[in-house]
Amino acid sequence: MLRTAGRVRSLHLGNVFKQSEQSYTLSKKFDHPQSLVYQLISEVDKYHEFIPYCTDSFVRARDENSQPTTAGLRVGFREFEEEFTCDLQCKKPELVVAKSITHSLFKSLLTEWTVHSLGNEHCKAVLRLEYEFKNELYNQMSSFFATKVANLMFRAFEKRAYELAHSSSENK
C-alpha cells in the first residue's frame, strides 16, 4: 500500500511481475566435425577456459564411458557470483542435456545441446535453454540480455572449436 496526501491507495501490479520460465533456441553451423563439437560441449570441466564469466567448471561424477553425469559451473560478474550443479545426460556424439540440481539461483534450469552432422567436416549445433530464476527481478532483467548472453556463449564455443581444430591439425 502507498500512502499519498493522507489517503491510502492500493498498488496492483497484476501480472507485471508474474513468475515465468523463459526459453531460447539458437542454432549455429560449425565448420568442424560433429565429434569435435560434441567433445567441446560435453567437456564441462573445461568451460572456465573459454566461456566468459565462467570462473570455475567441474565434473563430480562420470559414467562407465567417462561421460560426465554430474557437473557444474561457477559464474561471476562484477560483485555477483553463483555456483550451480547439474545432472547431465550425454549421448555421444549428438546430445548433451543438463538439468540443474542446485536451486540457489534458479528455480529451474535446462540446457539441451543437439549436434547434427552435416557431413565429415561440418555440423549444426542447436542450443535450447529453459530457465526461471528464483528472484523475480533477475527474471525481469534477464529478458533484456538473455539473447546477447546466449550469442556470446555460442561465439565462445565457436572460437574454442576453431582453436581445437587448428591445434590438433598442427600436431599432426
N, C-alpha and C. Protein backbone atom coordinates (compact mmCIF):
# COMPACT_ATOMS: atom_id res chain seq x y z
N MET A 1 0.83 -1.18 0.00
CA MET A 1 0.00 0.00 0.00
C MET A 1 0.88 1.24 0.00
N LEU A 2 0.43 2.23 -0.72
CA LEU A 2 1.13 3.51 -0.76
C LEU A 2 0.30 4.54 -0.01
N ARG A 3 0.96 5.41 0.71
CA ARG A 3 0.26 6.48 1.42
C ARG A 3 0.61 7.79 0.73
N THR A 4 -0.42 8.47 0.20
CA THR A 4 -0.20 9.72 -0.50
C THR A 4 -1.20 10.77 -0.02
N ALA A 5 -0.71 11.93 0.28
CA ALA A 5 -1.55 13.06 0.68
C ALA A 5 -2.64 12.66 1.67
N GLY A 6 -2.27 11.84 2.64
CA GLY A 6 -3.21 11.46 3.68
C GLY A 6 -4.20 10.38 3.28
N ARG A 7 -4.15 9.92 2.03
CA ARG A 7 -5.07 8.87 1.60
C ARG A 7 -4.30 7.58 1.38
N VAL A 8 -4.96 6.48 1.56
CA VAL A 8 -4.35 5.18 1.33
C VAL A 8 -4.78 4.71 -0.05
N ARG A 9 -3.80 4.31 -0.86
CA ARG A 9 -4.10 3.78 -2.19
C ARG A 9 -3.46 2.41 -2.32
N SER A 10 -4.11 1.56 -3.02
CA SER A 10 -3.55 0.23 -3.28
C SER A 10 -2.79 0.27 -4.59
N LEU A 11 -1.75 -0.49 -4.63
CA LEU A 11 -0.96 -0.62 -5.84
C LEU A 11 -1.09 -2.06 -6.31
N HIS A 12 -1.72 -2.27 -7.45
CA HIS A 12 -1.90 -3.61 -8.00
C HIS A 12 -1.05 -3.74 -9.25
N LEU A 13 -0.10 -4.65 -9.20
CA LEU A 13 0.77 -4.86 -10.35
C LEU A 13 0.28 -5.99 -11.24
N GLY A 14 -0.70 -6.72 -10.77
CA GLY A 14 -1.26 -7.79 -11.59
C GLY A 14 -0.20 -8.74 -12.07
N ASN A 15 -0.12 -8.91 -13.38
CA ASN A 15 0.81 -9.86 -13.98
C ASN A 15 2.16 -9.25 -14.34
N VAL A 16 2.39 -8.00 -13.95
CA VAL A 16 3.66 -7.37 -14.31
C VAL A 16 4.84 -8.17 -13.80
N PHE A 17 4.77 -8.70 -12.57
CA PHE A 17 5.87 -9.46 -12.02
C PHE A 17 5.52 -10.94 -11.91
N LYS A 18 4.75 -11.41 -12.84
CA LYS A 18 4.35 -12.82 -12.85
C LYS A 18 5.58 -13.69 -13.09
N GLN A 19 5.72 -14.74 -12.30
CA GLN A 19 6.85 -15.66 -12.49
C GLN A 19 6.68 -16.36 -13.83
N SER A 20 7.77 -16.44 -14.57
CA SER A 20 7.66 -17.09 -15.87
C SER A 20 8.98 -17.72 -16.27
N GLU A 21 8.86 -18.92 -16.79
CA GLU A 21 10.03 -19.59 -17.33
C GLU A 21 10.31 -18.99 -18.70
N GLN A 22 11.58 -18.79 -18.98
CA GLN A 22 11.97 -18.25 -20.28
C GLN A 22 12.66 -19.34 -21.07
N SER A 23 12.51 -19.28 -22.38
CA SER A 23 13.19 -20.28 -23.21
C SER A 23 13.72 -19.62 -24.48
N TYR A 24 14.84 -20.14 -24.91
CA TYR A 24 15.51 -19.64 -26.11
C TYR A 24 16.06 -20.84 -26.86
N THR A 25 16.02 -20.76 -28.18
CA THR A 25 16.65 -21.78 -29.02
C THR A 25 17.52 -21.06 -30.03
N LEU A 26 18.77 -21.46 -30.09
CA LEU A 26 19.71 -20.90 -31.06
C LEU A 26 20.36 -22.05 -31.80
N SER A 27 20.71 -21.81 -33.05
CA SER A 27 21.43 -22.83 -33.80
C SER A 27 22.56 -22.17 -34.57
N LYS A 28 23.59 -22.95 -34.82
CA LYS A 28 24.78 -22.43 -35.48
C LYS A 28 25.45 -23.54 -36.27
N LYS A 29 25.82 -23.24 -37.49
CA LYS A 29 26.59 -24.19 -38.29
C LYS A 29 28.06 -24.02 -37.93
N PHE A 30 28.72 -25.14 -37.70
CA PHE A 30 30.15 -25.16 -37.40
C PHE A 30 30.89 -25.79 -38.57
N ASP A 31 32.01 -25.22 -38.93
CA ASP A 31 32.86 -25.79 -39.97
C ASP A 31 33.85 -26.76 -39.33
N HIS A 32 33.31 -27.63 -38.50
CA HIS A 32 34.08 -28.63 -37.78
C HIS A 32 33.24 -29.88 -37.68
N PRO A 33 33.88 -31.04 -37.53
CA PRO A 33 33.11 -32.29 -37.44
C PRO A 33 32.26 -32.38 -36.18
N GLN A 34 31.19 -33.15 -36.27
CA GLN A 34 30.28 -33.37 -35.16
C GLN A 34 31.03 -33.84 -33.91
N SER A 35 31.98 -34.75 -34.08
CA SER A 35 32.69 -35.32 -32.93
C SER A 35 33.45 -34.25 -32.15
N LEU A 36 34.07 -33.29 -32.85
CA LEU A 36 34.81 -32.23 -32.17
C LEU A 36 33.87 -31.31 -31.40
N VAL A 37 32.76 -30.93 -32.01
CA VAL A 37 31.82 -30.02 -31.35
C VAL A 37 31.15 -30.71 -30.17
N TYR A 38 30.80 -31.99 -30.32
CA TYR A 38 30.23 -32.73 -29.20
C TYR A 38 31.23 -32.80 -28.04
N GLN A 39 32.47 -33.12 -28.34
CA GLN A 39 33.52 -33.21 -27.31
C GLN A 39 33.64 -31.88 -26.56
N LEU A 40 33.66 -30.80 -27.30
CA LEU A 40 33.76 -29.46 -26.73
C LEU A 40 32.61 -29.18 -25.76
N ILE A 41 31.39 -29.53 -26.15
CA ILE A 41 30.21 -29.28 -25.33
C ILE A 41 30.18 -30.19 -24.10
N SER A 42 30.55 -31.44 -24.28
CA SER A 42 30.45 -32.40 -23.17
C SER A 42 31.58 -32.27 -22.14
N GLU A 43 32.66 -31.60 -22.47
CA GLU A 43 33.77 -31.41 -21.53
C GLU A 43 33.51 -30.18 -20.65
N VAL A 44 32.50 -30.30 -19.81
CA VAL A 44 32.06 -29.20 -18.95
C VAL A 44 33.20 -28.69 -18.06
N ASP A 45 34.07 -29.58 -17.62
CA ASP A 45 35.16 -29.18 -16.73
C ASP A 45 36.16 -28.22 -17.37
N LYS A 46 36.07 -28.01 -18.68
CA LYS A 46 36.97 -27.08 -19.36
C LYS A 46 36.31 -25.75 -19.70
N TYR A 47 35.04 -25.58 -19.37
CA TYR A 47 34.31 -24.36 -19.72
C TYR A 47 34.99 -23.10 -19.18
N HIS A 48 35.57 -23.17 -17.99
CA HIS A 48 36.20 -21.98 -17.41
C HIS A 48 37.36 -21.47 -18.26
N GLU A 49 37.88 -22.31 -19.16
CA GLU A 49 39.00 -21.91 -20.01
C GLU A 49 38.57 -21.00 -21.15
N PHE A 50 37.27 -20.98 -21.50
CA PHE A 50 36.89 -20.20 -22.67
C PHE A 50 35.53 -19.51 -22.61
N ILE A 51 34.69 -19.80 -21.64
CA ILE A 51 33.38 -19.16 -21.59
C ILE A 51 33.45 -17.90 -20.72
N PRO A 52 33.03 -16.77 -21.28
CA PRO A 52 33.05 -15.53 -20.50
C PRO A 52 32.23 -15.65 -19.22
N TYR A 53 32.74 -15.08 -18.16
CA TYR A 53 32.11 -15.02 -16.83
C TYR A 53 32.08 -16.36 -16.11
N CYS A 54 32.62 -17.42 -16.70
CA CYS A 54 32.71 -18.71 -16.03
C CYS A 54 34.05 -18.74 -15.30
N THR A 55 34.00 -18.71 -13.97
CA THR A 55 35.22 -18.64 -13.18
C THR A 55 35.71 -20.01 -12.73
N ASP A 56 34.85 -21.01 -12.80
CA ASP A 56 35.23 -22.38 -12.46
C ASP A 56 34.25 -23.34 -13.12
N SER A 57 34.74 -24.51 -13.46
CA SER A 57 33.88 -25.56 -14.03
C SER A 57 34.43 -26.89 -13.54
N PHE A 58 33.52 -27.83 -13.30
CA PHE A 58 33.94 -29.08 -12.68
C PHE A 58 33.01 -30.22 -13.05
N VAL A 59 33.56 -31.44 -12.97
CA VAL A 59 32.77 -32.66 -13.13
C VAL A 59 32.90 -33.43 -11.83
N ARG A 60 31.78 -33.79 -11.24
CA ARG A 60 31.79 -34.51 -9.96
C ARG A 60 31.58 -36.01 -10.13
N ALA A 61 30.96 -36.42 -11.24
CA ALA A 61 30.72 -37.86 -11.46
C ALA A 61 30.71 -38.15 -12.95
N ARG A 62 31.15 -39.37 -13.29
CA ARG A 62 31.17 -39.83 -14.68
C ARG A 62 30.57 -41.22 -14.76
N ASP A 63 30.08 -41.58 -15.94
CA ASP A 63 29.54 -42.93 -16.14
C ASP A 63 30.66 -43.88 -16.55
N GLU A 64 30.30 -45.11 -16.86
CA GLU A 64 31.29 -46.14 -17.21
C GLU A 64 32.03 -45.83 -18.51
N ASN A 65 31.49 -44.90 -19.34
CA ASN A 65 32.15 -44.50 -20.58
C ASN A 65 32.91 -43.18 -20.44
N SER A 66 33.10 -42.74 -19.20
CA SER A 66 33.79 -41.48 -18.87
C SER A 66 33.02 -40.23 -19.28
N GLN A 67 31.75 -40.37 -19.60
CA GLN A 67 30.92 -39.21 -19.90
C GLN A 67 30.47 -38.58 -18.58
N PRO A 68 30.46 -37.25 -18.49
CA PRO A 68 30.05 -36.62 -17.23
C PRO A 68 28.57 -36.86 -16.93
N THR A 69 28.26 -37.11 -15.66
CA THR A 69 26.87 -37.29 -15.24
C THR A 69 26.45 -36.24 -14.21
N THR A 70 27.41 -35.66 -13.51
CA THR A 70 27.15 -34.55 -12.59
C THR A 70 28.27 -33.54 -12.78
N ALA A 71 27.90 -32.30 -13.08
CA ALA A 71 28.90 -31.26 -13.34
C ALA A 71 28.32 -29.91 -12.96
N GLY A 72 29.20 -28.91 -12.93
CA GLY A 72 28.70 -27.60 -12.56
C GLY A 72 29.62 -26.47 -12.96
N LEU A 73 29.12 -25.27 -12.73
CA LEU A 73 29.83 -24.05 -13.09
C LEU A 73 29.74 -23.06 -11.94
N ARG A 74 30.75 -22.22 -11.87
CA ARG A 74 30.70 -21.04 -11.02
C ARG A 74 30.80 -19.87 -12.00
N VAL A 75 29.81 -18.99 -11.93
CA VAL A 75 29.79 -17.84 -12.82
C VAL A 75 29.85 -16.57 -11.98
N GLY A 76 30.55 -15.58 -12.50
CA GLY A 76 30.68 -14.33 -11.78
C GLY A 76 30.66 -13.15 -12.72
N PHE A 77 30.03 -12.09 -12.26
CA PHE A 77 30.00 -10.83 -12.99
C PHE A 77 29.96 -9.71 -11.97
N ARG A 78 30.99 -8.88 -11.99
CA ARG A 78 31.14 -7.81 -11.00
C ARG A 78 31.04 -8.37 -9.59
N GLU A 79 30.09 -7.89 -8.79
CA GLU A 79 30.02 -8.38 -7.40
C GLU A 79 29.17 -9.63 -7.25
N PHE A 80 28.60 -10.13 -8.33
CA PHE A 80 27.76 -11.32 -8.27
C PHE A 80 28.55 -12.57 -8.61
N GLU A 81 28.36 -13.61 -7.82
CA GLU A 81 28.98 -14.90 -8.12
C GLU A 81 28.05 -16.00 -7.63
N GLU A 82 27.83 -16.99 -8.49
CA GLU A 82 26.94 -18.10 -8.15
C GLU A 82 27.54 -19.40 -8.67
N GLU A 83 27.26 -20.48 -7.96
CA GLU A 83 27.66 -21.81 -8.40
C GLU A 83 26.42 -22.67 -8.50
N PHE A 84 26.36 -23.47 -9.55
CA PHE A 84 25.25 -24.42 -9.66
C PHE A 84 25.75 -25.72 -10.25
N THR A 85 25.08 -26.79 -9.87
CA THR A 85 25.43 -28.14 -10.29
C THR A 85 24.26 -28.73 -11.07
N CYS A 86 24.59 -29.54 -12.07
CA CYS A 86 23.57 -30.13 -12.94
C CYS A 86 23.77 -31.63 -13.08
N ASP A 87 22.66 -32.33 -13.27
CA ASP A 87 22.71 -33.71 -13.75
C ASP A 87 22.85 -33.64 -15.26
N LEU A 88 23.74 -34.46 -15.81
CA LEU A 88 23.96 -34.47 -17.25
C LEU A 88 23.57 -35.81 -17.85
N GLN A 89 23.04 -35.74 -19.05
CA GLN A 89 22.82 -36.91 -19.88
C GLN A 89 23.58 -36.66 -21.17
N CYS A 90 24.54 -37.51 -21.46
CA CYS A 90 25.34 -37.35 -22.66
C CYS A 90 25.15 -38.56 -23.56
N LYS A 91 24.77 -38.31 -24.79
CA LYS A 91 24.61 -39.37 -25.78
C LYS A 91 25.53 -39.04 -26.94
N LYS A 92 26.69 -39.67 -26.92
CA LYS A 92 27.73 -39.40 -27.91
C LYS A 92 27.26 -39.87 -29.28
N PRO A 93 27.44 -39.11 -30.33
CA PRO A 93 28.08 -37.80 -30.49
C PRO A 93 27.08 -36.66 -30.71
N GLU A 94 25.86 -36.79 -30.19
CA GLU A 94 24.85 -35.82 -30.63
C GLU A 94 24.09 -35.06 -29.55
N LEU A 95 24.11 -35.49 -28.30
CA LEU A 95 23.21 -34.87 -27.33
C LEU A 95 23.87 -34.67 -25.97
N VAL A 96 23.72 -33.47 -25.41
CA VAL A 96 24.14 -33.18 -24.04
C VAL A 96 23.00 -32.40 -23.39
N VAL A 97 22.41 -32.98 -22.35
CA VAL A 97 21.31 -32.34 -21.62
C VAL A 97 21.77 -32.12 -20.18
N ALA A 98 21.59 -30.90 -19.69
CA ALA A 98 21.95 -30.57 -18.31
C ALA A 98 20.73 -29.99 -17.61
N LYS A 99 20.44 -30.54 -16.43
CA LYS A 99 19.31 -30.05 -15.62
C LYS A 99 19.84 -29.71 -14.24
N SER A 100 19.60 -28.48 -13.81
CA SER A 100 20.11 -28.02 -12.52
C SER A 100 19.54 -28.83 -11.36
N ILE A 101 20.44 -29.21 -10.44
CA ILE A 101 20.01 -29.91 -9.23
C ILE A 101 20.24 -29.06 -7.99
N THR A 102 20.91 -27.91 -8.17
CA THR A 102 21.03 -26.96 -7.06
C THR A 102 20.11 -25.80 -7.38
N HIS A 103 19.47 -25.30 -6.38
CA HIS A 103 18.44 -24.30 -6.64
C HIS A 103 18.64 -23.01 -5.86
N SER A 104 19.88 -22.59 -5.72
CA SER A 104 20.13 -21.32 -5.03
C SER A 104 19.82 -20.14 -5.94
N LEU A 105 20.15 -20.25 -7.21
CA LEU A 105 19.95 -19.17 -8.17
C LEU A 105 18.71 -19.40 -9.04
N PHE A 106 18.56 -20.63 -9.51
CA PHE A 106 17.48 -20.95 -10.43
C PHE A 106 16.37 -21.74 -9.76
N LYS A 107 15.15 -21.44 -10.13
CA LYS A 107 14.03 -22.30 -9.76
C LYS A 107 14.08 -23.53 -10.66
N SER A 108 14.44 -23.30 -11.93
CA SER A 108 14.66 -24.40 -12.87
C SER A 108 15.65 -23.95 -13.93
N LEU A 109 16.43 -24.90 -14.43
CA LEU A 109 17.40 -24.63 -15.49
C LEU A 109 17.58 -25.90 -16.30
N LEU A 110 17.38 -25.79 -17.60
CA LEU A 110 17.58 -26.92 -18.50
C LEU A 110 18.30 -26.41 -19.74
N THR A 111 19.42 -27.05 -20.07
CA THR A 111 20.08 -26.76 -21.34
C THR A 111 20.16 -28.06 -22.12
N GLU A 112 19.89 -27.95 -23.40
CA GLU A 112 19.95 -29.12 -24.27
C GLU A 112 20.70 -28.75 -25.53
N TRP A 113 21.83 -29.40 -25.73
CA TRP A 113 22.63 -29.24 -26.95
C TRP A 113 22.38 -30.46 -27.83
N THR A 114 22.03 -30.21 -29.08
CA THR A 114 21.91 -31.28 -30.07
C THR A 114 22.87 -30.94 -31.20
N VAL A 115 23.72 -31.90 -31.56
CA VAL A 115 24.72 -31.68 -32.60
C VAL A 115 24.40 -32.60 -33.77
N HIS A 116 24.05 -31.99 -34.91
CA HIS A 116 23.68 -32.74 -36.11
C HIS A 116 24.83 -32.73 -37.11
N SER A 117 25.21 -33.88 -37.61
CA SER A 117 26.26 -33.96 -38.62
C SER A 117 25.73 -33.44 -39.95
N LEU A 118 26.56 -32.65 -40.62
CA LEU A 118 26.24 -32.16 -41.97
C LEU A 118 27.30 -32.65 -42.95
N GLY A 119 27.87 -33.79 -42.67
CA GLY A 119 28.97 -34.31 -43.46
C GLY A 119 30.21 -34.40 -42.59
N ASN A 120 31.31 -34.84 -43.18
CA ASN A 120 32.53 -35.08 -42.41
C ASN A 120 33.07 -33.88 -41.66
N GLU A 121 33.06 -32.73 -42.26
CA GLU A 121 33.73 -31.57 -41.67
C GLU A 121 32.79 -30.46 -41.22
N HIS A 122 31.49 -30.74 -41.16
CA HIS A 122 30.53 -29.71 -40.79
C HIS A 122 29.45 -30.30 -39.89
N CYS A 123 28.90 -29.45 -39.05
CA CYS A 123 27.77 -29.86 -38.22
C CYS A 123 26.95 -28.63 -37.85
N LYS A 124 25.79 -28.90 -37.31
CA LYS A 124 24.94 -27.82 -36.81
C LYS A 124 24.66 -28.12 -35.34
N ALA A 125 24.90 -27.14 -34.49
CA ALA A 125 24.61 -27.29 -33.06
C ALA A 125 23.38 -26.45 -32.74
N VAL A 126 22.46 -27.06 -32.01
CA VAL A 126 21.24 -26.38 -31.58
C VAL A 126 21.26 -26.34 -30.05
N LEU A 127 21.12 -25.16 -29.50
CA LEU A 127 21.08 -24.97 -28.06
C LEU A 127 19.67 -24.55 -27.67
N ARG A 128 19.05 -25.35 -26.81
CA ARG A 128 17.75 -24.99 -26.23
C ARG A 128 17.99 -24.71 -24.76
N LEU A 129 17.59 -23.54 -24.33
CA LEU A 129 17.80 -23.10 -22.96
C LEU A 129 16.46 -22.72 -22.35
N GLU A 130 16.13 -23.33 -21.22
CA GLU A 130 14.91 -23.00 -20.48
C GLU A 130 15.31 -22.74 -19.04
N TYR A 131 14.84 -21.62 -18.50
CA TYR A 131 15.22 -21.31 -17.12
C TYR A 131 14.19 -20.40 -16.47
N GLU A 132 14.24 -20.42 -15.15
CA GLU A 132 13.48 -19.48 -14.34
C GLU A 132 14.31 -19.21 -13.09
N PHE A 133 14.63 -17.96 -12.88
CA PHE A 133 15.36 -17.57 -11.68
C PHE A 133 14.42 -17.62 -10.48
N LYS A 134 14.98 -17.85 -9.31
CA LYS A 134 14.19 -17.75 -8.08
C LYS A 134 13.81 -16.30 -7.80
N ASN A 135 14.71 -15.40 -8.13
CA ASN A 135 14.50 -13.98 -7.90
C ASN A 135 13.76 -13.39 -9.10
N GLU A 136 12.58 -12.87 -8.87
CA GLU A 136 11.77 -12.34 -9.98
C GLU A 136 12.43 -11.15 -10.66
N LEU A 137 13.19 -10.36 -9.92
CA LEU A 137 13.91 -9.25 -10.53
C LEU A 137 14.89 -9.77 -11.57
N TYR A 138 15.59 -10.87 -11.27
CA TYR A 138 16.50 -11.49 -12.24
C TYR A 138 15.74 -11.94 -13.48
N ASN A 139 14.54 -12.50 -13.29
CA ASN A 139 13.73 -12.91 -14.44
C ASN A 139 13.41 -11.72 -15.33
N GLN A 140 13.01 -10.62 -14.72
CA GLN A 140 12.68 -9.43 -15.50
C GLN A 140 13.91 -8.88 -16.21
N MET A 141 15.03 -8.80 -15.51
CA MET A 141 16.25 -8.26 -16.10
C MET A 141 16.80 -9.17 -17.19
N SER A 142 16.72 -10.48 -16.98
CA SER A 142 17.31 -11.40 -17.95
C SER A 142 16.63 -11.33 -19.30
N SER A 143 15.36 -10.96 -19.32
CA SER A 143 14.67 -10.88 -20.61
C SER A 143 15.31 -9.82 -21.51
N PHE A 144 16.02 -8.85 -20.91
CA PHE A 144 16.67 -7.81 -21.70
C PHE A 144 18.00 -8.25 -22.30
N PHE A 145 18.70 -9.17 -21.64
CA PHE A 145 20.04 -9.51 -22.11
C PHE A 145 20.27 -10.99 -22.39
N ALA A 146 19.27 -11.84 -22.23
CA ALA A 146 19.46 -13.29 -22.39
C ALA A 146 19.94 -13.66 -23.79
N THR A 147 19.37 -13.06 -24.82
CA THR A 147 19.79 -13.39 -26.18
C THR A 147 21.24 -12.99 -26.41
N LYS A 148 21.64 -11.84 -25.89
CA LYS A 148 23.03 -11.41 -26.04
C LYS A 148 23.98 -12.38 -25.34
N VAL A 149 23.60 -12.82 -24.14
CA VAL A 149 24.44 -13.76 -23.40
C VAL A 149 24.53 -15.09 -24.14
N ALA A 150 23.41 -15.58 -24.65
CA ALA A 150 23.42 -16.84 -25.40
C ALA A 150 24.29 -16.73 -26.64
N ASN A 151 24.21 -15.62 -27.35
CA ASN A 151 25.06 -15.42 -28.53
C ASN A 151 26.53 -15.31 -28.14
N LEU A 152 26.81 -14.68 -27.02
CA LEU A 152 28.19 -14.59 -26.52
C LEU A 152 28.73 -15.98 -26.22
N MET A 153 27.91 -16.82 -25.60
CA MET A 153 28.31 -18.20 -25.32
C MET A 153 28.58 -18.97 -26.61
N PHE A 154 27.68 -18.82 -27.59
CA PHE A 154 27.86 -19.52 -28.86
C PHE A 154 29.16 -19.10 -29.53
N ARG A 155 29.46 -17.80 -29.51
CA ARG A 155 30.72 -17.33 -30.10
C ARG A 155 31.92 -17.92 -29.38
N ALA A 156 31.81 -18.07 -28.06
CA ALA A 156 32.91 -18.67 -27.29
C ALA A 156 33.12 -20.13 -27.70
N PHE A 157 32.03 -20.88 -27.88
CA PHE A 157 32.14 -22.26 -28.33
C PHE A 157 32.72 -22.33 -29.75
N GLU A 158 32.28 -21.42 -30.60
CA GLU A 158 32.77 -21.39 -31.98
C GLU A 158 34.27 -21.10 -32.02
N LYS A 159 34.71 -20.13 -31.23
CA LYS A 159 36.14 -19.79 -31.17
C LYS A 159 36.95 -20.96 -30.63
N ARG A 160 36.44 -21.61 -29.59
CA ARG A 160 37.14 -22.75 -28.98
C ARG A 160 37.23 -23.91 -29.97
N ALA A 161 36.16 -24.16 -30.72
CA ALA A 161 36.19 -25.23 -31.73
C ALA A 161 37.27 -24.95 -32.77
N TYR A 162 37.36 -23.70 -33.20
CA TYR A 162 38.38 -23.30 -34.16
C TYR A 162 39.78 -23.55 -33.59
N GLU A 163 39.99 -23.13 -32.34
CA GLU A 163 41.30 -23.32 -31.70
C GLU A 163 41.65 -24.80 -31.57
N LEU A 164 40.69 -25.62 -31.16
CA LEU A 164 40.95 -27.05 -31.01
C LEU A 164 41.24 -27.71 -32.36
N ALA A 165 40.47 -27.35 -33.37
CA ALA A 165 40.67 -27.93 -34.71
C ALA A 165 42.05 -27.57 -35.25
N HIS A 166 42.46 -26.33 -35.05
CA HIS A 166 43.75 -25.91 -35.58
C HIS A 166 44.92 -26.42 -34.75
N SER A 167 44.73 -26.57 -33.45
CA SER A 167 45.83 -27.10 -32.63
C SER A 167 46.02 -28.59 -32.92
N SER A 168 44.94 -29.32 -33.19
CA SER A 168 45.08 -30.75 -33.50
C SER A 168 45.66 -30.96 -34.89
N SER A 169 45.36 -30.05 -35.84
CA SER A 169 45.94 -30.21 -37.18
C SER A 169 47.41 -29.82 -37.19
N GLU A 170 47.82 -28.91 -36.31
CA GLU A 170 49.24 -28.54 -36.21
C GLU A 170 50.06 -29.64 -35.55
N ASN A 171 49.43 -30.46 -34.71
CA ASN A 171 50.15 -31.53 -34.01
C ASN A 171 50.28 -32.79 -34.85
N LYS A 172 49.75 -32.78 -36.06
CA LYS A 172 49.83 -33.99 -36.91
C LYS A 172 51.13 -34.03 -37.67
